[in-house]
Amino acid sequence: MAQQKFMESQESLTKINKDNTGKSILVPLTSSMYVPGQLSDTDNVLVDIGTGYYLEKTVSDAHEYFKRKTDFLTKQMERVQPALQEKYRAKQAVTEVLQLRVQAQLAAQHQQGAATSKA
C-alpha cells in the first residue's frame, strides 16, 4: 500500500512540466476535500516525508526520492517474505495439531459416552 502510494506520486511528477504552468488543478486539503488552484511553480514540489512534515524539492529530486522509497520498500518486503512464509507454515502446523487433538478428544468423549450407556 505504501509502495503503491510512492509509485503513484512518482507517476504524478511526470505531469508537472512547463507546458502545464498556469493550468487549473484541484489542491487536496484533506483526503476527501479539494479546492481549485493554479499550477504556478513547475520546478518545485512539496513532498510529504511523514508525520506532518513536508520538504520542498525539485521535480527531479522528488522523483529520485520516490524511487529510493519504492526501492527500499521492495527490498524490505523481499527480506521479510521468507520469515512471513515460515510463520505461515508454523501456524498451519499448529492448526493441524490442534485439529487432531480436538478430534481425539471428541472421539474419547464419544467412546466414554458409549461405554457409560452400555453399563
PDB file of N, CA and C in Angstrom:
ATOM      1  N   MET A   1       0.814  -1.183   0.000  1.00  0.00           N
ATOM      2  CA  MET A   1       0.000   0.000   0.000  1.00  0.00           C
ATOM      3  C   MET A   1       0.866   1.258   0.000  1.00  0.00           C
ATOM      4  N   ALA A   2       1.830   1.330   0.918  1.00  0.00           N
ATOM      5  CA  ALA A   2       2.725   2.489   0.949  1.00  0.00           C
ATOM      6  C   ALA A   2       3.549   2.535  -0.328  1.00  0.00           C
ATOM      7  N   GLN A   3       3.977   1.361  -0.777  1.00  0.00           N
ATOM      8  CA  GLN A   3       4.765   1.294  -2.007  1.00  0.00           C
ATOM      9  C   GLN A   3       3.950   1.837  -3.179  1.00  0.00           C
ATOM     10  N   GLN A   4       2.676   1.489  -3.231  1.00  0.00           N
ATOM     11  CA  GLN A   4       1.796   1.961  -4.297  1.00  0.00           C
ATOM     12  C   GLN A   4       1.653   3.484  -4.233  1.00  0.00           C
ATOM     13  N   LYS A   5       1.555   4.027  -3.029  1.00  0.00           N
ATOM     14  CA  LYS A   5       1.431   5.474  -2.849  1.00  0.00           C
ATOM     15  C   LYS A   5       2.660   6.190  -3.408  1.00  0.00           C
ATOM     16  N   PHE A   6       3.841   5.661  -3.123  1.00  0.00           N
ATOM     17  CA  PHE A   6       5.066   6.275  -3.639  1.00  0.00           C
ATOM     18  C   PHE A   6       5.135   6.165  -5.162  1.00  0.00           C
ATOM     19  N   MET A   7       4.708   5.026  -5.685  1.00  0.00           N
ATOM     20  CA  MET A   7       4.729   4.849  -7.142  1.00  0.00           C
ATOM     21  C   MET A   7       3.747   5.809  -7.817  1.00  0.00           C
ATOM     22  N   GLU A   8       2.574   6.003  -7.233  1.00  0.00           N
ATOM     23  CA  GLU A   8       1.602   6.944  -7.785  1.00  0.00           C
ATOM     24  C   GLU A   8       2.139   8.375  -7.737  1.00  0.00           C
ATOM     25  N   SER A   9       2.806   8.719  -6.637  1.00  0.00           N
ATOM     26  CA  SER A   9       3.390  10.057  -6.519  1.00  0.00           C
ATOM     27  C   SER A   9       4.473  10.261  -7.564  1.00  0.00           C
ATOM     28  N   GLN A  10       5.282   9.244  -7.761  1.00  0.00           N
ATOM     29  CA  GLN A  10       6.343   9.313  -8.766  1.00  0.00           C
ATOM     30  C   GLN A  10       5.738   9.485 -10.162  1.00  0.00           C
ATOM     31  N   GLU A  11       4.669   8.776 -10.430  1.00  0.00           N
ATOM     32  CA  GLU A  11       3.980   8.881 -11.718  1.00  0.00           C
ATOM     33  C   GLU A  11       3.381  10.280 -11.906  1.00  0.00           C
ATOM     34  N   SER A  12       2.843  10.849 -10.832  1.00  0.00           N
ATOM     35  CA  SER A  12       2.237  12.180 -10.907  1.00  0.00           C
ATOM     36  C   SER A  12       3.261  13.247 -11.274  1.00  0.00           C
ATOM     37  N   LEU A  13       4.499  13.037 -10.884  1.00  0.00           N
ATOM     38  CA  LEU A  13       5.544  14.015 -11.187  1.00  0.00           C
ATOM     39  C   LEU A  13       5.764  14.171 -12.689  1.00  0.00           C
ATOM     40  N   THR A  14       5.445  13.138 -13.460  1.00  0.00           N
ATOM     41  CA  THR A  14       5.653  13.220 -14.907  1.00  0.00           C
ATOM     42  C   THR A  14       4.706  14.226 -15.554  1.00  0.00           C
ATOM     43  N   LYS A  15       3.635  14.573 -14.841  1.00  0.00           N
ATOM     44  CA  LYS A  15       2.652  15.511 -15.385  1.00  0.00           C
ATOM     45  C   LYS A  15       3.009  16.968 -15.083  1.00  0.00           C
ATOM     46  N   ILE A  16       4.015  17.180 -14.258  1.00  0.00           N
ATOM     47  CA  ILE A  16       4.424  18.546 -13.913  1.00  0.00           C
ATOM     48  C   ILE A  16       5.538  18.971 -14.868  1.00  0.00           C
ATOM     49  N   ASN A  17       5.194  19.875 -15.776  1.00  0.00           N
ATOM     50  CA  ASN A  17       6.178  20.409 -16.719  1.00  0.00           C
ATOM     51  C   ASN A  17       5.804  21.839 -17.082  1.00  0.00           C
ATOM     52  N   LYS A  18       6.686  22.499 -17.759  1.00  0.00           N
ATOM     53  CA  LYS A  18       6.496  23.923 -18.108  1.00  0.00           C
ATOM     54  C   LYS A  18       5.206  24.154 -18.896  1.00  0.00           C
ATOM     55  N   ASP A  19       4.800  23.175 -19.712  1.00  0.00           N
ATOM     56  CA  ASP A  19       3.580  23.323 -20.507  1.00  0.00           C
ATOM     57  C   ASP A  19       2.332  23.462 -19.634  1.00  0.00           C
ATOM     58  N   ASN A  20       2.396  22.968 -18.401  1.00  0.00           N
ATOM     59  CA  ASN A  20       1.228  22.991 -17.520  1.00  0.00           C
ATOM     60  C   ASN A  20       1.188  24.209 -16.602  1.00  0.00           C
ATOM     61  N   THR A  21       2.152  25.109 -16.706  1.00  0.00           N
ATOM     62  CA  THR A  21       2.165  26.309 -15.869  1.00  0.00           C
ATOM     63  C   THR A  21       0.887  27.110 -16.101  1.00  0.00           C
ATOM     64  N   GLY A  22       0.239  27.489 -14.998  1.00  0.00           N
ATOM     65  CA  GLY A  22      -0.980  28.284 -15.074  1.00  0.00           C
ATOM     66  C   GLY A  22      -2.250  27.481 -15.256  1.00  0.00           C
ATOM     67  N   LYS A  23      -2.145  26.189 -15.447  1.00  0.00           N
ATOM     68  CA  LYS A  23      -3.347  25.358 -15.624  1.00  0.00           C
ATOM     69  C   LYS A  23      -4.068  25.163 -14.292  1.00  0.00           C
ATOM     70  N   SER A  24      -5.374  24.967 -14.390  1.00  0.00           N
ATOM     71  CA  SER A  24      -6.194  24.733 -13.201  1.00  0.00           C
ATOM     72  C   SER A  24      -5.961  23.323 -12.673  1.00  0.00           C
ATOM     73  N   ILE A  25      -5.915  23.217 -11.354  1.00  0.00           N
ATOM     74  CA  ILE A  25      -5.743  21.919 -10.688  1.00  0.00           C
ATOM     75  C   ILE A  25      -6.639  21.888  -9.454  1.00  0.00           C
ATOM     76  N   LEU A  26      -6.828  20.723  -8.891  1.00  0.00           N
ATOM     77  CA  LEU A  26      -7.502  20.580  -7.611  1.00  0.00           C
ATOM     78  C   LEU A  26      -6.441  20.314  -6.554  1.00  0.00           C
ATOM     79  N   VAL A  27      -6.452  21.116  -5.505  1.00  0.00           N
ATOM     80  CA  VAL A  27      -5.463  21.009  -4.438  1.00  0.00           C
ATOM     81  C   VAL A  27      -6.119  20.308  -3.252  1.00  0.00           C
ATOM     82  N   PRO A  28      -5.556  19.167  -2.800  1.00  0.00           N
ATOM     83  CA  PRO A  28      -6.181  18.458  -1.674  1.00  0.00           C
ATOM     84  C   PRO A  28      -5.959  19.199  -0.352  1.00  0.00           C
ATOM     85  N   LEU A  29      -7.050  19.425   0.379  1.00  0.00           N
ATOM     86  CA  LEU A  29      -6.952  19.963   1.736  1.00  0.00           C
ATOM     87  C   LEU A  29      -6.965  18.827   2.754  1.00  0.00           C
ATOM     88  N   THR A  30      -7.753  17.799   2.461  1.00  0.00           N
ATOM     89  CA  THR A  30      -7.788  16.560   3.241  1.00  0.00           C
ATOM     90  C   THR A  30      -7.855  15.430   2.224  1.00  0.00           C
ATOM     91  N   SER A  31      -7.985  14.203   2.704  1.00  0.00           N
ATOM     92  CA  SER A  31      -8.067  13.078   1.776  1.00  0.00           C
ATOM     93  C   SER A  31      -9.375  13.067   0.996  1.00  0.00           C
ATOM     94  N   SER A  32     -10.355  13.872   1.439  1.00  0.00           N
ATOM     95  CA  SER A  32     -11.639  13.879   0.738  1.00  0.00           C
ATOM     96  C   SER A  32     -12.140  15.283   0.397  1.00  0.00           C
ATOM     97  N   MET A  33     -11.288  16.294   0.539  1.00  0.00           N
ATOM     98  CA  MET A  33     -11.719  17.649   0.236  1.00  0.00           C
ATOM     99  C   MET A  33     -10.640  18.370  -0.584  1.00  0.00           C
ATOM    100  N   TYR A  34     -11.080  18.970  -1.696  1.00  0.00           N
ATOM    101  CA  TYR A  34     -10.178  19.656  -2.615  1.00  0.00           C
ATOM    102  C   TYR A  34     -10.672  21.069  -2.867  1.00  0.00           C
ATOM    103  N   VAL A  35      -9.723  21.957  -3.200  1.00  0.00           N
ATOM    104  CA  VAL A  35     -10.080  23.319  -3.605  1.00  0.00           C
ATOM    105  C   VAL A  35      -9.410  23.596  -4.949  1.00  0.00           C
ATOM    106  N   PRO A  36     -10.024  24.440  -5.782  1.00  0.00           N
ATOM    107  CA  PRO A  36      -9.403  24.756  -7.068  1.00  0.00           C
ATOM    108  C   PRO A  36      -8.158  25.619  -6.869  1.00  0.00           C
ATOM    109  N   GLY A  37      -7.197  25.434  -7.756  1.00  0.00           N
ATOM    110  CA  GLY A  37      -5.971  26.219  -7.708  1.00  0.00           C
ATOM    111  C   GLY A  37      -5.345  26.286  -9.091  1.00  0.00           C
ATOM    112  N   GLN A  38      -4.203  26.946  -9.169  1.00  0.00           N
ATOM    113  CA  GLN A  38      -3.470  27.025 -10.428  1.00  0.00           C
ATOM    114  C   GLN A  38      -2.040  26.576 -10.193  1.00  0.00           C
ATOM    115  N   LEU A  39      -1.504  25.859 -11.154  1.00  0.00           N
ATOM    116  CA  LEU A  39      -0.124  25.385 -11.069  1.00  0.00           C
ATOM    117  C   LEU A  39       0.790  26.547 -11.462  1.00  0.00           C
ATOM    118  N   SER A  40       1.482  27.104 -10.472  1.00  0.00           N
ATOM    119  CA  SER A  40       2.308  28.279 -10.740  1.00  0.00           C
ATOM    120  C   SER A  40       3.798  27.954 -10.762  1.00  0.00           C
ATOM    121  N   ASP A  41       4.221  26.929 -10.038  1.00  0.00           N
ATOM    122  CA  ASP A  41       5.643  26.579  -9.979  1.00  0.00           C
ATOM    123  C   ASP A  41       5.807  25.142 -10.468  1.00  0.00           C
ATOM    124  N   THR A  42       6.374  24.974 -11.646  1.00  0.00           N
ATOM    125  CA  THR A  42       6.554  23.625 -12.193  1.00  0.00           C
ATOM    126  C   THR A  42       7.963  23.104 -11.960  1.00  0.00           C
ATOM    127  N   ASP A  43       8.764  23.855 -11.209  1.00  0.00           N
ATOM    128  CA  ASP A  43      10.135  23.419 -10.918  1.00  0.00           C
ATOM    129  C   ASP A  43      10.244  22.739  -9.561  1.00  0.00           C
ATOM    130  N   ASN A  44       9.365  23.092  -8.630  1.00  0.00           N
ATOM    131  CA  ASN A  44       9.449  22.581  -7.259  1.00  0.00           C
ATOM    132  C   ASN A  44       8.122  21.986  -6.811  1.00  0.00           C
ATOM    133  N   VAL A  45       8.215  21.024  -5.907  1.00  0.00           N
ATOM    134  CA  VAL A  45       7.026  20.396  -5.317  1.00  0.00           C
ATOM    135  C   VAL A  45       7.260  20.237  -3.817  1.00  0.00           C
ATOM    136  N   LEU A  46       6.172  20.095  -3.072  1.00  0.00           N
ATOM    137  CA  LEU A  46       6.267  19.774  -1.653  1.00  0.00           C
ATOM    138  C   LEU A  46       6.048  18.273  -1.506  1.00  0.00           C
ATOM    139  N   VAL A  47       6.963  17.628  -0.799  1.00  0.00           N
ATOM    140  CA  VAL A  47       6.910  16.178  -0.619  1.00  0.00           C
ATOM    141  C   VAL A  47       6.613  15.877   0.845  1.00  0.00           C
ATOM    142  N   ASP A  48       5.569  15.090   1.072  1.00  0.00           N
ATOM    143  CA  ASP A  48       5.203  14.649   2.419  1.00  0.00           C
ATOM    144  C   ASP A  48       6.207  13.588   2.852  1.00  0.00           C
ATOM    145  N   ILE A  49       7.013  13.905   3.878  1.00  0.00           N
ATOM    146  CA  ILE A  49       8.015  12.936   4.341  1.00  0.00           C
ATOM    147  C   ILE A  49       7.555  12.224   5.618  1.00  0.00           C
ATOM    148  N   GLY A  50       6.312  12.469   6.013  1.00  0.00           N
ATOM    149  CA  GLY A  50       5.737  11.751   7.147  1.00  0.00           C
ATOM    150  C   GLY A  50       5.537  12.624   8.370  1.00  0.00           C
ATOM    151  N   THR A  51       4.638  12.197   9.208  1.00  0.00           N
ATOM    152  CA  THR A  51       4.262  12.847  10.471  1.00  0.00           C
ATOM    153  C   THR A  51       4.044  14.354  10.328  1.00  0.00           C
ATOM    154  N   GLY A  52       3.445  14.757   9.222  1.00  0.00           N
ATOM    155  CA  GLY A  52       3.093  16.153   9.031  1.00  0.00           C
ATOM    156  C   GLY A  52       4.220  17.055   8.557  1.00  0.00           C
ATOM    157  N   TYR A  53       5.343  16.477   8.148  1.00  0.00           N
ATOM    158  CA  TYR A  53       6.467  17.272   7.661  1.00  0.00           C
ATOM    159  C   TYR A  53       6.552  17.195   6.145  1.00  0.00           C
ATOM    160  N   TYR A  54       6.879  18.329   5.533  1.00  0.00           N
ATOM    161  CA  TYR A  54       6.991  18.425   4.077  1.00  0.00           C
ATOM    162  C   TYR A  54       8.325  19.052   3.733  1.00  0.00           C
ATOM    163  N   LEU A  55       8.901  18.618   2.628  1.00  0.00           N
ATOM    164  CA  LEU A  55      10.129  19.210   2.106  1.00  0.00           C
ATOM    165  C   LEU A  55       9.874  19.748   0.713  1.00  0.00           C
ATOM    166  N   GLU A  56      10.425  20.908   0.424  1.00  0.00           N
ATOM    167  CA  GLU A  56      10.353  21.418  -0.934  1.00  0.00           C
ATOM    168  C   GLU A  56      11.519  20.817  -1.705  1.00  0.00           C
ATOM    169  N   LYS A  57      11.202  20.192  -2.820  1.00  0.00           N
ATOM    170  CA  LYS A  57      12.207  19.547  -3.653  1.00  0.00           C
ATOM    171  C   LYS A  57      11.962  19.919  -5.105  1.00  0.00           C
ATOM    172  N   THR A  58      13.011  19.839  -5.893  1.00  0.00           N
ATOM    173  CA  THR A  58      12.819  19.986  -7.327  1.00  0.00           C
ATOM    174  C   THR A  58      12.093  18.741  -7.814  1.00  0.00           C
ATOM    175  N   VAL A  59      11.502  18.828  -8.977  1.00  0.00           N
ATOM    176  CA  VAL A  59      10.767  17.682  -9.522  1.00  0.00           C
ATOM    177  C   VAL A  59      11.703  16.485  -9.678  1.00  0.00           C
ATOM    178  N   SER A  60      12.911  16.719 -10.164  1.00  0.00           N
ATOM    179  CA  SER A  60      13.848  15.599 -10.353  1.00  0.00           C
ATOM    180  C   SER A  60      14.289  15.012  -9.009  1.00  0.00           C
ATOM    181  N   ASP A  61      14.521  15.865  -7.985  1.00  0.00           N
ATOM    182  CA  ASP A  61      14.871  15.357  -6.654  1.00  0.00           C
ATOM    183  C   ASP A  61      13.710  14.570  -6.043  1.00  0.00           C
ATOM    184  N   ALA A  62      12.495  15.054  -6.255  1.00  0.00           N
ATOM    185  CA  ALA A  62      11.316  14.344  -5.744  1.00  0.00           C
ATOM    186  C   ALA A  62      11.180  12.991  -6.439  1.00  0.00           C
ATOM    187  N   HIS A  63      11.436  12.971  -7.740  1.00  0.00           N
ATOM    188  CA  HIS A  63      11.375  11.721  -8.493  1.00  0.00           C
ATOM    189  C   HIS A  63      12.379  10.718  -7.916  1.00  0.00           C
ATOM    190  N   GLU A  64      13.586  11.160  -7.634  1.00  0.00           N
ATOM    191  CA  GLU A  64      14.607  10.287  -7.036  1.00  0.00           C
ATOM    192  C   GLU A  64      14.207   9.838  -5.627  1.00  0.00           C
ATOM    193  N   TYR A  65      13.612  10.751  -4.861  1.00  0.00           N
ATOM    194  CA  TYR A  65      13.159  10.421  -3.515  1.00  0.00           C
ATOM    195  C   TYR A  65      12.141   9.278  -3.554  1.00  0.00           C
ATOM    196  N   PHE A  66      11.147   9.416  -4.428  1.00  0.00           N
ATOM    197  CA  PHE A  66      10.118   8.372  -4.525  1.00  0.00           C
ATOM    198  C   PHE A  66      10.693   7.061  -5.051  1.00  0.00           C
ATOM    199  N   LYS A  67      11.666   7.138  -5.933  1.00  0.00           N
ATOM    200  CA  LYS A  67      12.319   5.925  -6.429  1.00  0.00           C
ATOM    201  C   LYS A  67      13.067   5.231  -5.290  1.00  0.00           C
ATOM    202  N   ARG A  68      13.803   6.005  -4.489  1.00  0.00           N
ATOM    203  CA  ARG A  68      14.525   5.420  -3.350  1.00  0.00           C
ATOM    204  C   ARG A  68      13.568   4.778  -2.360  1.00  0.00           C
ATOM    205  N   LYS A  69      12.458   5.473  -2.059  1.00  0.00           N
ATOM    206  CA  LYS A  69      11.486   4.930  -1.108  1.00  0.00           C
ATOM    207  C   LYS A  69      10.860   3.637  -1.644  1.00  0.00           C
ATOM    208  N   THR A  70      10.518   3.618  -2.921  1.00  0.00           N
ATOM    209  CA  THR A  70       9.938   2.422  -3.537  1.00  0.00           C
ATOM    210  C   THR A  70      10.937   1.277  -3.509  1.00  0.00           C
ATOM    211  N   ASP A  71      12.181   1.556  -3.872  1.00  0.00           N
ATOM    212  CA  ASP A  71      13.214   0.516  -3.853  1.00  0.00           C
ATOM    213  C   ASP A  71      13.438  -0.011  -2.439  1.00  0.00           C
ATOM    214  N   PHE A  72      13.467   0.885  -1.458  1.00  0.00           N
ATOM    215  CA  PHE A  72      13.655   0.484  -0.066  1.00  0.00           C
ATOM    216  C   PHE A  72      12.529  -0.442   0.383  1.00  0.00           C
ATOM    217  N   LEU A  73      11.289  -0.054   0.095  1.00  0.00           N
ATOM    218  CA  LEU A  73      10.153  -0.886   0.500  1.00  0.00           C
ATOM    219  C   LEU A  73      10.162  -2.236  -0.204  1.00  0.00           C
ATOM    220  N   THR A  74      10.555  -2.251  -1.470  1.00  0.00           N
ATOM    221  CA  THR A  74      10.639  -3.513  -2.207  1.00  0.00           C
ATOM    222  C   THR A  74      11.655  -4.437  -1.549  1.00  0.00           C
ATOM    223  N   LYS A  75      12.828  -3.897  -1.209  1.00  0.00           N
ATOM    224  CA  LYS A  75      13.870  -4.707  -0.549  1.00  0.00           C
ATOM    225  C   LYS A  75      13.409  -5.208   0.814  1.00  0.00           C
ATOM    226  N   GLN A  76      12.709  -4.352   1.558  1.00  0.00           N
ATOM    227  CA  GLN A  76      12.214  -4.768   2.866  1.00  0.00           C
ATOM    228  C   GLN A  76      11.183  -5.883   2.743  1.00  0.00           C
ATOM    229  N   MET A  77      10.309  -5.771   1.750  1.00  0.00           N
ATOM    230  CA  MET A  77       9.309  -6.816   1.541  1.00  0.00           C
ATOM    231  C   MET A  77       9.982  -8.133   1.150  1.00  0.00           C
ATOM    232  N   GLU A  78      11.002  -8.063   0.316  1.00  0.00           N
ATOM    233  CA  GLU A  78      11.728  -9.268  -0.079  1.00  0.00           C
ATOM    234  C   GLU A  78      12.446  -9.886   1.114  1.00  0.00           C
ATOM    235  N   ARG A  79      12.941  -9.040   2.019  1.00  0.00           N
ATOM    236  CA  ARG A  79      13.652  -9.529   3.200  1.00  0.00           C
ATOM    237  C   ARG A  79      12.689 -10.186   4.188  1.00  0.00           C
ATOM    238  N   VAL A  80      11.501  -9.632   4.319  1.00  0.00           N
ATOM    239  CA  VAL A  80      10.528 -10.123   5.301  1.00  0.00           C
ATOM    240  C   VAL A  80       9.756 -11.332   4.778  1.00  0.00           C
ATOM    241  N   GLN A  81       9.635 -11.460   3.478  1.00  0.00           N
ATOM    242  CA  GLN A  81       8.816 -12.517   2.872  1.00  0.00           C
ATOM    243  C   GLN A  81       9.165 -13.925   3.375  1.00  0.00           C
ATOM    244  N   PRO A  82      10.460 -14.329   3.416  1.00  0.00           N
ATOM    245  CA  PRO A  82      10.755 -15.686   3.912  1.00  0.00           C
ATOM    246  C   PRO A  82      10.307 -15.903   5.359  1.00  0.00           C
ATOM    247  N   ALA A  83      10.494 -14.909   6.204  1.00  0.00           N
ATOM    248  CA  ALA A  83      10.062 -15.045   7.598  1.00  0.00           C
ATOM    249  C   ALA A  83       8.543 -15.157   7.677  1.00  0.00           C
ATOM    250  N   LEU A  84       7.855 -14.393   6.863  1.00  0.00           N
ATOM    251  CA  LEU A  84       6.397 -14.451   6.830  1.00  0.00           C
ATOM    252  C   LEU A  84       5.912 -15.826   6.374  1.00  0.00           C
ATOM    253  N   GLN A  85       6.564 -16.368   5.367  1.00  0.00           N
ATOM    254  CA  GLN A  85       6.199 -17.705   4.890  1.00  0.00           C
ATOM    255  C   GLN A  85       6.451 -18.753   5.970  1.00  0.00           C
ATOM    256  N   GLU A  86       7.554 -18.627   6.710  1.00  0.00           N
ATOM    257  CA  GLU A  86       7.853 -19.570   7.783  1.00  0.00           C
ATOM    258  C   GLU A  86       6.811 -19.466   8.896  1.00  0.00           C
ATOM    259  N   LYS A  87       6.405 -18.265   9.228  1.00  0.00           N
ATOM    260  CA  LYS A  87       5.371 -18.072  10.255  1.00  0.00           C
ATOM    261  C   LYS A  87       4.050 -18.695   9.799  1.00  0.00           C
ATOM    262  N   TYR A  88       3.737 -18.560   8.524  1.00  0.00           N
ATOM    263  CA  TYR A  88       2.509 -19.145   7.994  1.00  0.00           C
ATOM    264  C   TYR A  88       2.563 -20.676   8.093  1.00  0.00           C
ATOM    265  N   ARG A  89       3.711 -21.249   7.744  1.00  0.00           N
ATOM    266  CA  ARG A  89       3.856 -22.710   7.847  1.00  0.00           C
ATOM    267  C   ARG A  89       3.728 -23.170   9.294  1.00  0.00           C
ATOM    268  N   ALA A  90       4.316 -22.423  10.223  1.00  0.00           N
ATOM    269  CA  ALA A  90       4.226 -22.780  11.641  1.00  0.00           C
ATOM    270  C   ALA A  90       2.782 -22.700  12.111  1.00  0.00           C
ATOM    271  N   LYS A  91       2.058 -21.683  11.665  1.00  0.00           N
ATOM    272  CA  LYS A  91       0.643 -21.539  12.029  1.00  0.00           C
ATOM    273  C   LYS A  91      -0.165 -22.721  11.501  1.00  0.00           C
ATOM    274  N   GLN A  92       0.125 -23.122  10.272  1.00  0.00           N
ATOM    275  CA  GLN A  92      -0.577 -24.268   9.683  1.00  0.00           C
ATOM    276  C   GLN A  92      -0.304 -25.534  10.492  1.00  0.00           C
ATOM    277  N   ALA A  93       0.949 -25.729  10.902  1.00  0.00           N
ATOM    278  CA  ALA A  93       1.303 -26.919  11.686  1.00  0.00           C
ATOM    279  C   ALA A  93       0.576 -26.919  13.027  1.00  0.00           C
ATOM    280  N   VAL A  94       0.534 -25.785  13.693  1.00  0.00           N
ATOM    281  CA  VAL A  94      -0.159 -25.679  14.979  1.00  0.00           C
ATOM    282  C   VAL A  94      -1.653 -25.937  14.793  1.00  0.00           C
ATOM    283  N   THR A  95      -2.222 -25.419  13.745  1.00  0.00           N
ATOM    284  CA  THR A  95      -3.649 -25.625  13.463  1.00  0.00           C
ATOM    285  C   THR A  95      -3.948 -27.105  13.252  1.00  0.00           C
ATOM    286  N   GLU A  96      -3.078 -27.782  12.499  1.00  0.00           N
ATOM    287  CA  GLU A  96      -3.281 -29.217  12.264  1.00  0.00           C
ATOM    288  C   GLU A  96      -3.197 -30.010  13.561  1.00  0.00           C
ATOM    289  N   VAL A  97      -2.226 -29.698  14.411  1.00  0.00           N
ATOM    290  CA  VAL A  97      -2.081 -30.401  15.692  1.00  0.00           C
ATOM    291  C   VAL A  97      -3.313 -30.161  16.562  1.00  0.00           C
ATOM    292  N   LEU A  98      -3.768 -28.924  16.602  1.00  0.00           N
ATOM    293  CA  LEU A  98      -4.966 -28.626  17.401  1.00  0.00           C
ATOM    294  C   LEU A  98      -6.185 -29.371  16.878  1.00  0.00           C
ATOM    295  N   GLN A  99      -6.340 -29.446  15.570  1.00  0.00           N
ATOM    296  CA  GLN A  99      -7.473 -30.174  14.999  1.00  0.00           C
ATOM    297  C   GLN A  99      -7.402 -31.654  15.356  1.00  0.00           C
ATOM    298  N   LEU A 100      -6.206 -32.231  15.293  1.00  0.00           N
ATOM    299  CA  LEU A 100      -6.046 -33.642  15.667  1.00  0.00           C
ATOM    300  C   LEU A 100      -6.380 -33.868  17.137  1.00  0.00           C
ATOM    301  N   ARG A 101      -5.948 -32.954  17.994  1.00  0.00           N
ATOM    302  CA  ARG A 101      -6.238 -33.092  19.427  1.00  0.00           C
ATOM    303  C   ARG A 101      -7.735 -32.959  19.696  1.00  0.00           C
ATOM    304  N   VAL A 102      -8.389 -32.035  19.017  1.00  0.00           N
ATOM    305  CA  VAL A 102      -9.834 -31.870  19.203  1.00  0.00           C
ATOM    306  C   VAL A 102     -10.559 -33.126  18.740  1.00  0.00           C
ATOM    307  N   GLN A 103     -10.148 -33.670  17.593  1.00  0.00           N
ATOM    308  CA  GLN A 103     -10.775 -34.896  17.095  1.00  0.00           C
ATOM    309  C   GLN A 103     -10.550 -36.056  18.055  1.00  0.00           C
ATOM    310  N   ALA A 104      -9.334 -36.156  18.590  1.00  0.00           N
ATOM    311  CA  ALA A 104      -9.032 -37.231  19.539  1.00  0.00           C
ATOM    312  C   ALA A 104      -9.872 -37.055  20.807  1.00  0.00           C
ATOM    313  N   GLN A 105     -10.001 -35.839  21.278  1.00  0.00           N
ATOM    314  CA  GLN A 105     -10.791 -35.566  22.478  1.00  0.00           C
ATOM    315  C   GLN A 105     -12.262 -35.910  22.244  1.00  0.00           C
ATOM    316  N   LEU A 106     -12.776 -35.530  21.078  1.00  0.00           N
ATOM    317  CA  LEU A 106     -14.175 -35.848  20.764  1.00  0.00           C
ATOM    318  C   LEU A 106     -14.382 -37.353  20.654  1.00  0.00           C
ATOM    319  N   ALA A 107     -13.433 -38.034  20.032  1.00  0.00           N
ATOM    320  CA  ALA A 107     -13.538 -39.493  19.912  1.00  0.00           C
ATOM    321  C   ALA A 107     -13.497 -40.143  21.280  1.00  0.00           C
ATOM    322  N   ALA A 108     -12.619 -39.659  22.160  1.00  0.00           N
ATOM    323  CA  ALA A 108     -12.526 -40.216  23.514  1.00  0.00           C
ATOM    324  C   ALA A 108     -13.821 -39.973  24.279  1.00  0.00           C
ATOM    325  N   GLN A 109     -14.399 -38.789  24.141  1.00  0.00           N
ATOM    326  CA  GLN A 109     -15.664 -38.495  24.817  1.00  0.00           C
ATOM    327  C   GLN A 109     -16.788 -39.371  24.269  1.00  0.00           C
ATOM    328  N   HIS A 110     -16.773 -39.596  22.960  1.00  0.00           N
ATOM    329  CA  HIS A 110     -17.793 -40.431  22.346  1.00  0.00           C
ATOM    330  C   HIS A 110     -17.676 -41.874  22.857  1.00  0.00           C
ATOM    331  N   GLN A 111     -16.447 -42.375  22.913  1.00  0.00           N
ATOM    332  CA  GLN A 111     -16.237 -43.735  23.416  1.00  0.00           C
ATOM    333  C   GLN A 111     -16.626 -43.846  24.872  1.00  0.00           C
ATOM    334  N   GLN A 112     -16.265 -42.847  25.641  1.00  0.00           N
ATOM    335  CA  GLN A 112     -16.596 -42.856  27.068  1.00  0.00           C
ATOM    336  C   GLN A 112     -18.118 -42.799  27.241  1.00  0.00           C
ATOM    337  N   GLY A 113     -18.798 -41.993  26.429  1.00  0.00           N
ATOM    338  CA  GLY A 113     -20.254 -41.918  26.486  1.00  0.00           C
ATOM    339  C   GLY A 113     -20.901 -43.223  26.084  1.00  0.00           C
ATOM    340  N   ALA A 114     -20.335 -43.894  25.102  1.00  0.00           N
ATOM    341  CA  ALA A 114     -20.885 -45.177  24.647  1.00  0.00           C
ATOM    342  C   ALA A 114     -20.652 -46.250  25.712  1.00  0.00           C
ATOM    343  N   ALA A 115     -19.507 -46.213  26.394  1.00  0.00           N
ATOM    344  CA  ALA A 115     -19.207 -47.188  27.431  1.00  0.00           C
ATOM    345  C   ALA A 115     -20.129 -46.996  28.639  1.00  0.00           C
ATOM    346  N   THR A 116     -20.432 -45.769  28.996  1.00  0.00           N
ATOM    347  CA  THR A 116     -21.324 -45.500  30.131  1.00  0.00           C
ATOM    348  C   THR A 116     -22.756 -45.863  29.798  1.00  0.00           C
ATOM    349  N   SER A 117     -23.147 -45.753  28.521  1.00  0.00           N
ATOM    350  CA  SER A 117     -24.505 -46.111  28.113  1.00  0.00           C
ATOM    351  C   SER A 117     -24.723 -47.603  28.227  1.00  0.00           C
ATOM    352  N   LYS A 118     -23.703 -48.391  27.949  1.00  0.00           N
ATOM    353  CA  LYS A 118     -23.815 -49.843  27.992  1.00  0.00           C
ATOM    354  C   LYS A 118     -23.832 -50.360  29.413  1.00  0.00           C
ATOM    355  N   ALA A 119     -23.240 -49.634  30.334  1.00  0.00           N
ATOM    356  CA  ALA A 119     -23.162 -50.105  31.725  1.00  0.00           C
ATOM    357  C   ALA A 119     -24.392 -49.851  32.485  1.00  0.00           C
TER     358      ALA A 119
END
